[in-house]
Structure formats: C-alpha cells, structure tokens
Amino acid sequence: MALGLIQFAIGLFGNVPCPIVYGAVVDSACLVWEYACGEKGACWLYDSQVFRMFFHGTTGGIMALAFIVDLIVWYKAGSINFVDEPENEVGTAEEMANLKTQDVQSVENDYV
C-alpha cells in the first residue's frame, strides 16, 4: 500500500509537471516562430545562450528546492519516536534478574 502511494506521488508530482515546465522553458528561448493560418506553430530558431541558462537554471532551482526539503525531513526525522515507552525508565538489577529467570523457565517449559 505504501509503495503504491509513493509511486502515485512520484507520478503526480514528478512525471506530470515535467513536460509542462520544460516545454515552457524550451519555448521561452525561441527567436523565430513559424506562423501558419494565423496560428503559432513550431520554433525555427532558438537562442542557445538563453536556452542554456533557462534549462540549467530551472534544473538547478528544482534540485535546490529538493535539497531544502531533504534537509527539513532530516531535521524532523530526529524527533520521531517509534516506541511508546518512557525514555528514562530503567529497571533495577533485581527486576532484570527476575525477568531473566522467567525467560529461562519459559524456555525450559516449552521444551518439556
């Protein structure tokens, strides 16, 4: 269930917006558009310097945002407590000895 949810999130937030964002980046570097029947068609000529800056800038910005989110997750993950026990509760030596003898007795009873 969790793996399916993760794959859904990757598809939704990774694969869907990618062609839209990078399509806009490619279109923004166009110098000469083809016009047919009064509508804009394909690009004939790109400004390679603008294209390079927009393309790598967009990729770098997305990666920087992902790095910031990773730092936040790393910071928050330290405060997660998976066990619902008090942290400072330590048994006495006598309690530990009693537990050990009970474990030994239960093991012996299982084999008898």
PDB file of N, CA and C in Angstrom:
ATOM      1  N   MET A   1       0.819  -1.187   0.000  1.00  0.00           N
ATOM      2  CA  MET A   1       0.000   0.000   0.000  1.00  0.00           C
ATOM      3  C   MET A   1       0.869   1.259   0.000  1.00  0.00           C
ATOM      4  N   ALA A   2       1.893   1.262   0.869  1.00  0.00           N
ATOM      5  CA  ALA A   2       2.759   2.439   0.960  1.00  0.00           C
ATOM      6  C   ALA A   2       3.559   2.630  -0.327  1.00  0.00           C
ATOM      7  N   LEU A   3       4.022   1.532  -0.911  1.00  0.00           N
ATOM      8  CA  LEU A   3       4.794   1.656  -2.150  1.00  0.00           C
ATOM      9  C   LEU A   3       3.929   2.181  -3.291  1.00  0.00           C
ATOM     10  N   GLY A   4       2.681   1.754  -3.328  1.00  0.00           N
ATOM     11  CA  GLY A   4       1.768   2.267  -4.344  1.00  0.00           C
ATOM     12  C   GLY A   4       1.509   3.749  -4.174  1.00  0.00           C
ATOM     13  N   LEU A   5       1.381   4.182  -2.929  1.00  0.00           N
ATOM     14  CA  LEU A   5       1.168   5.605  -2.658  1.00  0.00           C
ATOM     15  C   LEU A   5       2.394   6.426  -3.059  1.00  0.00           C
ATOM     16  N   ILE A   6       3.578   5.896  -2.784  1.00  0.00           N
ATOM     17  CA  ILE A   6       4.809   6.593  -3.170  1.00  0.00           C
ATOM     18  C   ILE A   6       4.910   6.693  -4.691  1.00  0.00           C
ATOM     19  N   GLN A   7       4.599   5.600  -5.397  1.00  0.00           N
ATOM     20  CA  GLN A   7       4.661   5.628  -6.858  1.00  0.00           C
ATOM     21  C   GLN A   7       3.634   6.605  -7.435  1.00  0.00           C
ATOM     22  N   PHE A   8       2.467   6.671  -6.818  1.00  0.00           N
ATOM     23  CA  PHE A   8       1.460   7.637  -7.254  1.00  0.00           C
ATOM     24  C   PHE A   8       1.960   9.066  -7.073  1.00  0.00           C
ATOM     25  N   ALA A   9       2.589   9.345  -5.922  1.00  0.00           N
ATOM     26  CA  ALA A   9       3.105  10.696  -5.657  1.00  0.00           C
ATOM     27  C   ALA A   9       4.221  11.055  -6.634  1.00  0.00           C
ATOM     28  N   ILE A  10       5.095  10.093  -6.929  1.00  0.00           N
ATOM     29  CA  ILE A  10       6.171  10.352  -7.892  1.00  0.00           C
ATOM     30  C   ILE A  10       5.585  10.652  -9.265  1.00  0.00           C
ATOM     31  N   GLY A  11       4.596   9.881  -9.665  1.00  0.00           N
ATOM     32  CA  GLY A  11       3.962  10.122 -10.963  1.00  0.00           C
ATOM     33  C   GLY A  11       3.248  11.454 -11.014  1.00  0.00           C
ATOM     34  N   LEU A  12       2.571  11.801  -9.933  1.00  0.00           N
ATOM     35  CA  LEU A  12       1.800  13.034  -9.914  1.00  0.00           C
ATOM     36  C   LEU A  12       2.681  14.274  -9.862  1.00  0.00           C
ATOM     37  N   PHE A  13       3.674  14.268  -8.979  1.00  0.00           N
ATOM     38  CA  PHE A  13       4.498  15.457  -8.785  1.00  0.00           C
ATOM     39  C   PHE A  13       5.781  15.459  -9.607  1.00  0.00           C
ATOM     40  N   GLY A  14       6.145  14.337 -10.187  1.00  0.00           N
ATOM     41  CA  GLY A  14       7.375  14.271 -10.961  1.00  0.00           C
ATOM     42  C   GLY A  14       7.142  14.174 -12.456  1.00  0.00           C
ATOM     43  N   ASN A  15       6.299  13.248 -12.861  1.00  0.00           N
ATOM     44  CA  ASN A  15       6.132  12.984 -14.289  1.00  0.00           C
ATOM     45  C   ASN A  15       5.115  13.893 -14.965  1.00  0.00           C
ATOM     46  N   VAL A  16       4.118  14.351 -14.245  1.00  0.00           N
ATOM     47  CA  VAL A  16       3.091  15.181 -14.878  1.00  0.00           C
ATOM     48  C   VAL A  16       3.599  16.606 -15.153  1.00  0.00           C
ATOM     49  N   PRO A  17       4.172  17.307 -14.164  1.00  0.00           N
ATOM     50  CA  PRO A  17       4.575  18.692 -14.454  1.00  0.00           C
ATOM     51  C   PRO A  17       5.860  18.825 -15.274  1.00  0.00           C
ATOM     52  N   CYS A  18       6.651  17.790 -15.357  1.00  0.00           N
ATOM     53  CA  CYS A  18       7.947  17.883 -16.040  1.00  0.00           C
ATOM     54  C   CYS A  18       7.820  18.334 -17.502  1.00  0.00           C
ATOM     55  N   PRO A  19       7.003  17.702 -18.329  1.00  0.00           N
ATOM     56  CA  PRO A  19       6.899  18.180 -19.717  1.00  0.00           C
ATOM     57  C   PRO A  19       6.318  19.590 -19.826  1.00  0.00           C
ATOM     58  N   ILE A  20       5.453  19.951 -18.908  1.00  0.00           N
ATOM     59  CA  ILE A  20       4.860  21.284 -18.945  1.00  0.00           C
ATOM     60  C   ILE A  20       5.912  22.343 -18.620  1.00  0.00           C
ATOM     61  N   VAL A  21       6.676  22.112 -17.541  1.00  0.00           N
ATOM     62  CA  VAL A  21       7.692  23.082 -17.118  1.00  0.00           C
ATOM     63  C   VAL A  21       8.797  23.195 -18.159  1.00  0.00           C
ATOM     64  N   TYR A  22       9.358  22.071 -18.582  1.00  0.00           N
ATOM     65  CA  TYR A  22      10.460  22.137 -19.538  1.00  0.00           C
ATOM     66  C   TYR A  22       9.986  22.529 -20.934  1.00  0.00           C
ATOM     67  N   GLY A  23       8.744  22.266 -21.274  1.00  0.00           N
ATOM     68  CA  GLY A  23       8.200  22.773 -22.533  1.00  0.00           C
ATOM     69  C   GLY A  23       8.138  24.291 -22.536  1.00  0.00           C
ATOM     70  N   ALA A  24       7.753  24.864 -21.408  1.00  0.00           N
ATOM     71  CA  ALA A  24       7.728  26.325 -21.294  1.00  0.00           C
ATOM     72  C   ALA A  24       9.138  26.895 -21.343  1.00  0.00           C
ATOM     73  N   VAL A  25      10.106  26.183 -20.754  1.00  0.00           N
ATOM     74  CA  VAL A  25      11.497  26.640 -20.786  1.00  0.00           C
ATOM     75  C   VAL A  25      12.020  26.635 -22.220  1.00  0.00           C
ATOM     76  N   VAL A  26      11.742  25.573 -22.960  1.00  0.00           N
ATOM     77  CA  VAL A  26      12.193  25.483 -24.357  1.00  0.00           C
ATOM     78  C   VAL A  26      11.515  26.568 -25.198  1.00  0.00           C
ATOM     79  N   ASP A  27      10.221  26.745 -25.010  1.00  0.00           N
ATOM     80  CA  ASP A  27       9.505  27.761 -25.792  1.00  0.00           C
ATOM     81  C   ASP A  27       9.970  29.173 -25.468  1.00  0.00           C
ATOM     82  N   SER A  28      10.432  29.416 -24.255  1.00  0.00           N
ATOM     83  CA  SER A  28      10.868  30.763 -23.887  1.00  0.00           C
ATOM     84  C   SER A  28      12.172  31.169 -24.575  1.00  0.00           C
ATOM     85  N   ALA A  29      12.923  30.205 -25.086  1.00  0.00           N
ATOM     86  CA  ALA A  29      14.186  30.513 -25.752  1.00  0.00           C
ATOM     87  C   ALA A  29      14.039  30.637 -27.268  1.00  0.00           C
ATOM     88  N   CYS A  30      12.831  30.604 -27.776  1.00  0.00           N
ATOM     89  CA  CYS A  30      12.617  30.659 -29.221  1.00  0.00           C
ATOM     90  C   CYS A  30      12.782  32.088 -29.750  1.00  0.00           C
ATOM     91  N   LEU A  31      13.469  32.211 -30.868  1.00  0.00           N
ATOM     92  CA  LEU A  31      13.656  33.504 -31.526  1.00  0.00           C
ATOM     93  C   LEU A  31      12.706  33.691 -32.704  1.00  0.00           C
ATOM     94  N   VAL A  32      12.493  32.627 -33.489  1.00  0.00           N
ATOM     95  CA  VAL A  32      11.676  32.716 -34.704  1.00  0.00           C
ATOM     96  C   VAL A  32      10.623  31.612 -34.667  1.00  0.00           C
ATOM     97  N   TRP A  33       9.351  32.049 -34.663  1.00  0.00           N
ATOM     98  CA  TRP A  33       8.242  31.106 -34.676  1.00  0.00           C
ATOM     99  C   TRP A  33       7.693  30.959 -36.081  1.00  0.00           C
ATOM    100  N   GLU A  34       7.194  29.776 -36.388  1.00  0.00           N
ATOM    101  CA  GLU A  34       6.506  29.543 -37.657  1.00  0.00           C
ATOM    102  C   GLU A  34       5.034  29.906 -37.463  1.00  0.00           C
ATOM    103  N   TYR A  35       4.498  30.660 -38.384  1.00  0.00           N
ATOM    104  CA  TYR A  35       3.072  31.004 -38.336  1.00  0.00           C
ATOM    105  C   TYR A  35       2.395  30.400 -39.542  1.00  0.00           C
ATOM    106  N   ALA A  36       1.356  29.627 -39.286  1.00  0.00           N
ATOM    107  CA  ALA A  36       0.580  29.017 -40.365  1.00  0.00           C
ATOM    108  C   ALA A  36      -0.892  29.258 -40.065  1.00  0.00           C
ATOM    109  N   CYS A  37      -1.578  29.818 -41.028  1.00  0.00           N
ATOM    110  CA  CYS A  37      -3.013  30.110 -40.888  1.00  0.00           C
ATOM    111  C   CYS A  37      -3.289  31.004 -39.685  1.00  0.00           C
ATOM    112  N   GLY A  38      -2.367  31.894 -39.384  1.00  0.00           N
ATOM    113  CA  GLY A  38      -2.558  32.844 -38.307  1.00  0.00           C
ATOM    114  C   GLY A  38      -2.300  32.287 -36.910  1.00  0.00           C
ATOM    115  N   GLU A  39      -1.839  31.062 -36.814  1.00  0.00           N
ATOM    116  CA  GLU A  39      -1.558  30.463 -35.514  1.00  0.00           C
ATOM    117  C   GLU A  39      -0.068  30.153 -35.388  1.00  0.00           C
ATOM    118  N   LYS A  40       0.407  30.251 -34.167  1.00  0.00           N
ATOM    119  CA  LYS A  40       1.819  29.980 -33.902  1.00  0.00           C
ATOM    120  C   LYS A  40       2.063  28.476 -33.986  1.00  0.00           C
ATOM    121  N   GLY A  41       3.114  28.095 -34.701  1.00  0.00           N
ATOM    122  CA  GLY A  41       3.450  26.685 -34.862  1.00  0.00           C
ATOM    123  C   GLY A  41       4.748  26.338 -34.149  1.00  0.00           C
ATOM    124  N   ALA A  42       5.624  25.652 -34.864  1.00  0.00           N
ATOM    125  CA  ALA A  42       6.886  25.203 -34.294  1.00  0.00           C
ATOM    126  C   ALA A  42       7.926  26.316 -34.318  1.00  0.00           C
ATOM    127  N   CYS A  43       8.925  26.162 -33.483  1.00  0.00           N
ATOM    128  CA  CYS A  43      10.010  27.138 -33.419  1.00  0.00           C
ATOM    129  C   CYS A  43      11.052  26.800 -34.478  1.00  0.00           C
ATOM    130  N   TRP A  44      11.537  27.813 -35.167  1.00  0.00           N
ATOM    131  CA  TRP A  44      12.543  27.609 -36.195  1.00  0.00           C
ATOM    132  C   TRP A  44      13.953  27.856 -35.688  1.00  0.00           C
ATOM    133  N   LEU A  45      14.092  28.781 -34.730  1.00  0.00           N
ATOM    134  CA  LEU A  45      15.428  29.154 -34.277  1.00  0.00           C
ATOM    135  C   LEU A  45      15.401  29.448 -32.779  1.00  0.00           C
ATOM    136  N   TYR A  46      16.341  28.860 -32.072  1.00  0.00           N
ATOM    137  CA  TYR A  46      16.450  29.062 -30.618  1.00  0.00           C
ATOM    138  C   TYR A  46      17.685  29.887 -30.295  1.00  0.00           C
ATOM    139  N   ASP A  47      17.602  30.688 -29.244  1.00  0.00           N
ATOM    140  CA  ASP A  47      18.761  31.388 -28.701  1.00  0.00           C
ATOM    141  C   ASP A  47      19.440  30.418 -27.738  1.00  0.00           C
ATOM    142  N   SER A  48      20.581  29.890 -28.139  1.00  0.00           N
ATOM    143  CA  SER A  48      21.222  28.823 -27.359  1.00  0.00           C
ATOM    144  C   SER A  48      21.694  29.299 -25.993  1.00  0.00           C
ATOM    145  N   GLN A  49      22.106  30.557 -25.873  1.00  0.00           N
ATOM    146  CA  GLN A  49      22.554  31.070 -24.577  1.00  0.00           C
ATOM    147  C   GLN A  49      21.383  31.172 -23.591  1.00  0.00           C
ATOM    148  N   VAL A  50      20.268  31.710 -24.061  1.00  0.00           N
ATOM    149  CA  VAL A  50      19.083  31.819 -23.203  1.00  0.00           C
ATOM    150  C   VAL A  50      18.562  30.425 -22.858  1.00  0.00           C
ATOM    151  N   PHE A  51      18.535  29.550 -23.860  1.00  0.00           N
ATOM    152  CA  PHE A  51      18.068  28.185 -23.634  1.00  0.00           C
ATOM    153  C   PHE A  51      18.919  27.499 -22.577  1.00  0.00           C
ATOM    154  N   ARG A  52      20.233  27.627 -22.674  1.00  0.00           N
ATOM    155  CA  ARG A  52      21.149  27.006 -21.712  1.00  0.00           C
ATOM    156  C   ARG A  52      20.919  27.550 -20.314  1.00  0.00           C
ATOM    157  N   MET A  53      20.789  28.856 -20.191  1.00  0.00           N
ATOM    158  CA  MET A  53      20.602  29.464 -18.876  1.00  0.00           C
ATOM    159  C   MET A  53      19.253  29.071 -18.258  1.00  0.00           C
ATOM    160  N   PHE A  54      18.193  29.119 -19.048  1.00  0.00           N
ATOM    161  CA  PHE A  54      16.870  28.751 -18.517  1.00  0.00           C
ATOM    162  C   PHE A  54      16.798  27.271 -18.169  1.00  0.00           C
ATOM    163  N   PHE A  55      17.349  26.426 -19.038  1.00  0.00           N
ATOM    164  CA  PHE A  55      17.275  24.983 -18.822  1.00  0.00           C
ATOM    165  C   PHE A  55      18.038  24.578 -17.565  1.00  0.00           C
ATOM    166  N   HIS A  56      19.293  25.000 -17.468  1.00  0.00           N
ATOM    167  CA  HIS A  56      20.101  24.631 -16.292  1.00  0.00           C
ATOM    168  C   HIS A  56      19.642  25.382 -15.042  1.00  0.00           C
ATOM    169  N   GLY A  57      19.152  26.602 -15.200  1.00  0.00           N
ATOM    170  CA  GLY A  57      18.629  27.336 -14.050  1.00  0.00           C
ATOM    171  C   GLY A  57      17.383  26.679 -13.472  1.00  0.00           C
ATOM    172  N   THR A  58      16.491  26.213 -14.337  1.00  0.00           N
ATOM    173  CA  THR A  58      15.296  25.515 -13.874  1.00  0.00           C
ATOM    174  C   THR A  58      15.671  24.213 -13.178  1.00  0.00           C
ATOM    175  N   THR A  59      16.574  23.453 -13.773  1.00  0.00           N
ATOM    176  CA  THR A  59      17.014  22.193 -13.162  1.00  0.00           C
ATOM    177  C   THR A  59      17.696  22.451 -11.825  1.00  0.00           C
ATOM    178  N   GLY A  60      18.566  23.446 -11.768  1.00  0.00           N
ATOM    179  CA  GLY A  60      19.253  23.778 -10.517  1.00  0.00           C
ATOM    180  C   GLY A  60      18.280  24.259  -9.447  1.00  0.00           C
ATOM    181  N   GLY A  61      17.286  25.039  -9.837  1.00  0.00           N
ATOM    182  CA  GLY A  61      16.286  25.512  -8.886  1.00  0.00           C
ATOM    183  C   GLY A  61      15.460  24.370  -8.305  1.00  0.00           C
ATOM    184  N   ILE A  62      15.055  23.439  -9.146  1.00  0.00           N
ATOM    185  CA  ILE A  62      14.290  22.285  -8.679  1.00  0.00           C
ATOM    186  C   ILE A  62      15.135  21.419  -7.750  1.00  0.00           C
ATOM    187  N   MET A  63      16.406  21.238  -8.099  1.00  0.00           N
ATOM    188  CA  MET A  63      17.291  20.442  -7.249  1.00  0.00           C
ATOM    189  C   MET A  63      17.563  21.139  -5.921  1.00  0.00           C
ATOM    190  N   ALA A  64      17.691  22.452  -5.926  1.00  0.00           N
ATOM    191  CA  ALA A  64      17.887  23.192  -4.675  1.00  0.00           C
ATOM    192  C   ALA A  64      16.654  23.087  -3.784  1.00  0.00           C
ATOM    193  N   LEU A  65      15.476  23.178  -4.377  1.00  0.00           N
ATOM    194  CA  LEU A  65      14.249  23.014  -3.616  1.00  0.00           C
ATOM    195  C   LEU A  65      14.158  21.606  -3.015  1.00  0.00           C
ATOM    196  N   ALA A  66      14.523  20.594  -3.789  1.00  0.00           N
ATOM    197  CA  ALA A  66      14.514  19.216  -3.279  1.00  0.00           C
ATOM    198  C   ALA A  66      15.520  19.051  -2.150  1.00  0.00           C
ATOM    199  N   PHE A  67      16.670  19.710  -2.249  1.00  0.00           N
ATOM    200  CA  PHE A  67      17.675  19.624  -1.183  1.00  0.00           C
ATOM    201  C   PHE A  67      17.163  20.267   0.104  1.00  0.00           C
ATOM    202  N   ILE A  68      16.481  21.389  -0.016  1.00  0.00           N
ATOM    203  CA  ILE A  68      15.919  22.054   1.168  1.00  0.00           C
ATOM    204  C   ILE A  68      14.863  21.170   1.827  1.00  0.00           C
ATOM    205  N   VAL A  69      14.027  20.532   1.020  1.00  0.00           N
ATOM    206  CA  VAL A  69      13.018  19.618   1.570  1.00  0.00           C
ATOM    207  C   VAL A  69      13.697  18.431   2.248  1.00  0.00           C
ATOM    208  N   ASP A  70      14.777  17.908   1.667  1.00  0.00           N
ATOM    209  CA  ASP A  70      15.523  16.817   2.294  1.00  0.00           C
ATOM    210  C   ASP A  70      16.105  17.238   3.635  1.00  0.00           C
ATOM    211  N   LEU A  71      16.623  18.450   3.724  1.00  0.00           N
ATOM    212  CA  LEU A  71      17.155  18.943   4.997  1.00  0.00           C
ATOM    213  C   LEU A  71      16.065  19.043   6.056  1.00  0.00           C
ATOM    214  N   ILE A  72      14.888  19.499   5.662  1.00  0.00           N
ATOM    215  CA  ILE A  72      13.777  19.599   6.606  1.00  0.00           C
ATOM    216  C   ILE A  72      13.367  18.211   7.099  1.00  0.00           C
ATOM    217  N   VAL A  73      13.288  17.250   6.185  1.00  0.00           N
ATOM    218  CA  VAL A  73      12.938  15.876   6.576  1.00  0.00           C
ATOM    219  C   VAL A  73      14.008  15.302   7.495  1.00  0.00           C
ATOM    220  N   TRP A  74      15.274  15.532   7.190  1.00  0.00           N
ATOM    221  CA  TRP A  74      16.366  15.031   8.029  1.00  0.00           C
ATOM    222  C   TRP A  74      16.292  15.641   9.427  1.00  0.00           C
ATOM    223  N   TYR A  75      15.987  16.929   9.508  1.00  0.00           N
ATOM    224  CA  TYR A  75      15.887  17.597  10.802  1.00  0.00           C
ATOM    225  C   TYR A  75      14.699  17.069  11.603  1.00  0.00           C
ATOM    226  N   LYS A  76      13.568  16.922  10.954  1.00  0.00           N
ATOM    227  CA  LYS A  76      12.356  16.462  11.636  1.00  0.00           C
ATOM    228  C   LYS A  76      12.425  14.982  11.989  1.00  0.00           C
ATOM    229  N   ALA A  77      13.155  14.183  11.256  1.00  0.00           N
ATOM    230  CA  ALA A  77      13.202  12.738  11.499  1.00  0.00           C
ATOM    231  C   ALA A  77      13.891  12.410  12.813  1.00  0.00           C
ATOM    232  N   GLY A  78      14.735  13.273  13.312  1.00  0.00           N
ATOM    233  CA  GLY A  78      15.411  13.024  14.579  1.00  0.00           C
ATOM    234  C   GLY A  78      14.471  13.051  15.765  1.00  0.00           C
ATOM    235  N   SER A  79      13.345  13.726  15.651  1.00  0.00           N
ATOM    236  CA  SER A  79      12.421  13.838  16.780  1.00  0.00           C
ATOM    237  C   SER A  79      11.319  12.785  16.744  1.00  0.00           C
ATOM    238  N   ILE A  80      11.338  11.879  15.780  1.00  0.00           N
ATOM    239  CA  ILE A  80      10.313  10.845  15.693  1.00  0.00           C
ATOM    240  C   ILE A  80      10.627   9.743  16.698  1.00  0.00           C
ATOM    241  N   ASN A  81       9.628   9.368  17.490  1.00  0.00           N
ATOM    242  CA  ASN A  81       9.778   8.298  18.460  1.00  0.00           C
ATOM    243  C   ASN A  81       8.853   7.164  18.038  1.00  0.00           C
ATOM    244  N   PHE A  82       9.426   6.029  17.643  1.00  0.00           N
ATOM    245  CA  PHE A  82       8.635   4.911  17.167  1.00  0.00           C
ATOM    246  C   PHE A  82       8.134   4.009  18.291  1.00  0.00           C
ATOM    247  N   VAL A  83       8.722   4.093  19.466  1.00  0.00           N
ATOM    248  CA  VAL A  83       8.361   3.238  20.587  1.00  0.00           C
ATOM    249  C   VAL A  83       7.646   4.095  21.624  1.00  0.00           C
ATOM    250  N   ASP A  84       6.523   3.611  22.110  1.00  0.00           N
ATOM    251  CA  ASP A  84       5.749   4.364  23.086  1.00  0.00           C
ATOM    252  C   ASP A  84       6.154   3.988  24.509  1.00  0.00           C
ATOM    253  N   GLU A  85       7.419   4.112  24.818  1.00  0.00           N
ATOM    254  CA  GLU A  85       7.936   3.839  26.152  1.00  0.00           C
ATOM    255  C   GLU A  85       8.552   5.110  26.697  1.00  0.00           C
ATOM    256  N   PRO A  86       8.510   5.255  28.004  1.00  0.00           N
ATOM    257  CA  PRO A  86       9.266   6.370  28.588  1.00  0.00           C
ATOM    258  C   PRO A  86      10.756   6.162  28.344  1.00  0.00           C
ATOM    259  N   GLU A  87      11.448   7.224  27.981  1.00  0.00           N
ATOM    260  CA  GLU A  87      12.854   7.098  27.607  1.00  0.00           C
ATOM    261  C   GLU A  87      13.769   6.853  28.798  1.00  0.00           C
ATOM    262  N   ASN A  88      13.448   7.390  29.970  1.00  0.00           N
ATOM    263  CA  ASN A  88      14.359   7.321  31.107  1.00  0.00           C
ATOM    264  C   ASN A  88      14.061   6.171  32.064  1.00  0.00           C
ATOM    265  N   GLU A  89      13.114   5.304  31.746  1.00  0.00           N
ATOM    266  CA  GLU A  89      12.756   4.216  32.641  1.00  0.00           C
ATOM    267  C   GLU A  89      13.739   3.062  32.480  1.00  0.00           C
ATOM    268  N   VAL A  90      14.490   2.804  33.526  1.00  0.00           N
ATOM    269  CA  VAL A  90      15.467   1.720  33.524  1.00  0.00           C
ATOM    270  C   VAL A  90      15.149   0.830  34.712  1.00  0.00           C
ATOM    271  N   GLY A  91      15.119  -0.473  34.468  1.00  0.00           N
ATOM    272  CA  GLY A  91      14.810  -1.405  35.543  1.00  0.00           C
ATOM    273  C   GLY A  91      15.993  -1.581  36.491  1.00  0.00           C
ATOM    274  N   THR A  92      15.672  -2.001  37.718  1.00  0.00           N
ATOM    275  CA  THR A  92      16.728  -2.265  38.691  1.00  0.00           C
ATOM    276  C   THR A  92      17.361  -3.615  38.377  1.00  0.00           C
ATOM    277  N   ALA A  93      18.471  -3.884  39.023  1.00  0.00           N
ATOM    278  CA  ALA A  93      19.169  -5.146  38.801  1.00  0.00           C
ATOM    279  C   ALA A  93      18.308  -6.325  39.231  1.00  0.00           C
ATOM    280  N   GLU A  94      17.543  -6.141  40.322  1.00  0.00           N
ATOM    281  CA  GLU A  94      16.672  -7.218  40.807  1.00  0.00           C
ATOM    282  C   GLU A  94      15.563  -7.526  39.804  1.00  0.00           C
ATOM    283  N   GLU A  95      14.966  -6.473  39.203  1.00  0.00           N
ATOM    284  CA  GLU A  95      13.926  -6.687  38.204  1.00  0.00           C
ATOM    285  C   GLU A  95      14.482  -7.397  36.978  1.00  0.00           C
ATOM    286  N   MET A  96      15.671  -7.019  36.555  1.00  0.00           N
ATOM    287  CA  MET A  96      16.298  -7.654  35.403  1.00  0.00           C
ATOM    288  C   MET A  96      16.594  -9.124  35.685  1.00  0.00           C
ATOM    289  N   ALA A  97      17.044  -9.450  36.904  1.00  0.00           N
ATOM    290  CA  ALA A  97      17.323 -10.843  37.268  1.00  0.00           C
ATOM    291  C   ALA A  97      16.040 -11.657  37.267  1.00  0.00           C
ATOM    292  N   ASN A  98      14.942 -11.085  37.786  1.00  0.00           N
ATOM    293  CA  ASN A  98      13.658 -11.785  37.777  1.00  0.00           C
ATOM    294  C   ASN A  98      13.176 -12.050  36.359  1.00  0.00           C
ATOM    295  N   LEU A  99      13.333 -11.068  35.489  1.00  0.00           N
ATOM    296  CA  LEU A  99      12.936 -11.254  34.093  1.00  0.00           C
ATOM    297  C   LEU A  99      13.758 -12.341  33.428  1.00  0.00           C
ATOM    298  N   LYS A 100      15.046 -12.380  33.733  1.00  0.00           N
ATOM    299  CA  LYS A 100      15.922 -13.373  33.134  1.00  0.00           C
ATOM    300  C   LYS A 100      15.529 -14.773  33.597  1.00  0.00           C
ATOM    301  N   THR A 101      15.244 -14.950  34.879  1.00  0.00           N
ATOM    302  CA  THR A 101      14.852 -16.276  35.361  1.00  0.00           C
ATOM    303  C   THR A 101      13.497 -16.667  34.789  1.00  0.00           C
ATOM    304  N   GLN A 102      12.587 -15.728  34.604  1.00  0.00           N
ATOM    305  CA  GLN A 102      11.297 -16.055  34.000  1.00  0.00           C
ATOM    306  C   GLN A 102      11.474 -16.495  32.552  1.00  0.00           C
ATOM    307  N   ASP A 103      12.385 -15.842  31.825  1.00  0.00           N
ATOM    308  CA  ASP A 103      12.654 -16.236  30.443  1.00  0.00           C
ATOM    309  C   ASP A 103      13.230 -17.642  30.382  1.00  0.00           C
ATOM    310  N   VAL A 104      14.153 -17.947  31.285  1.00  0.00           N
ATOM    311  CA  VAL A 104      14.775 -19.282  31.305  1.00  0.00           C
ATOM    312  C   VAL A 104      13.716 -20.329  31.618  1.00  0.00           C
ATOM    313  N   GLN A 105      12.830 -20.058  32.569  1.00  0.00           N
ATOM    314  CA  GLN A 105      11.785 -21.007  32.940  1.00  0.00           C
ATOM    315  C   GLN A 105      10.810 -21.223  31.791  1.00  0.00           C
ATOM    316  N   SER A 106      10.469 -20.153  31.066  1.00  0.00           N
ATOM    317  CA  SER A 106       9.535 -20.318  29.950  1.00  0.00           C
ATOM    318  C   SER A 106      10.152 -21.125  28.818  1.00  0.00           C
ATOM    319  N   VAL A 107      11.458 -20.966  28.612  1.00  0.00           N
ATOM    320  CA  VAL A 107      12.147 -21.740  27.582  1.00  0.00           C
ATOM    321  C   VAL A 107      12.177 -23.217  27.998  1.00  0.00           C
ATOM    322  N   GLU A 108      12.471 -23.496  29.268  1.00  0.00           N
ATOM    323  CA  GLU A 108      12.506 -24.872  29.730  1.00  0.00           C
ATOM    324  C   GLU A 108      11.137 -25.522  29.645  1.00  0.00           C
ATOM    325  N   ASN A 109      10.077 -24.767  29.930  1.00  0.00           N
ATOM    326  CA  ASN A 109       8.717 -25.318  29.854  1.00  0.00           C
ATOM    327  C   ASN A 109       8.319 -25.614  28.423  1.00  0.00           C
ATOM    328  N   ASP A 110       8.824 -24.840  27.500  1.00  0.00           N
ATOM    329  CA  ASP A 110       8.477 -25.069  26.090  1.00  0.00           C
ATOM    330  C   ASP A 110       9.057 -26.384  25.584  1.00  0.00           C
ATOM    331  N   TYR A 111      10.213 -26.789  26.088  1.00  0.00           N
ATOM    332  CA  TYR A 111      10.871 -27.990  25.607  1.00  0.00           C
ATOM    333  C   TYR A 111      10.460 -29.248  26.387  1.00  0.00           C
ATOM    334  N   VAL A 112       9.752 -29.083  27.498  1.00  0.00           N
ATOM    335  CA  VAL A 112       9.370 -30.246  28.319  1.00  0.00           C
ATOM    336  C   VAL A 112       8.138 -30.880  27.775  1.00  0.00           C
TER     337      VAL A 112
END
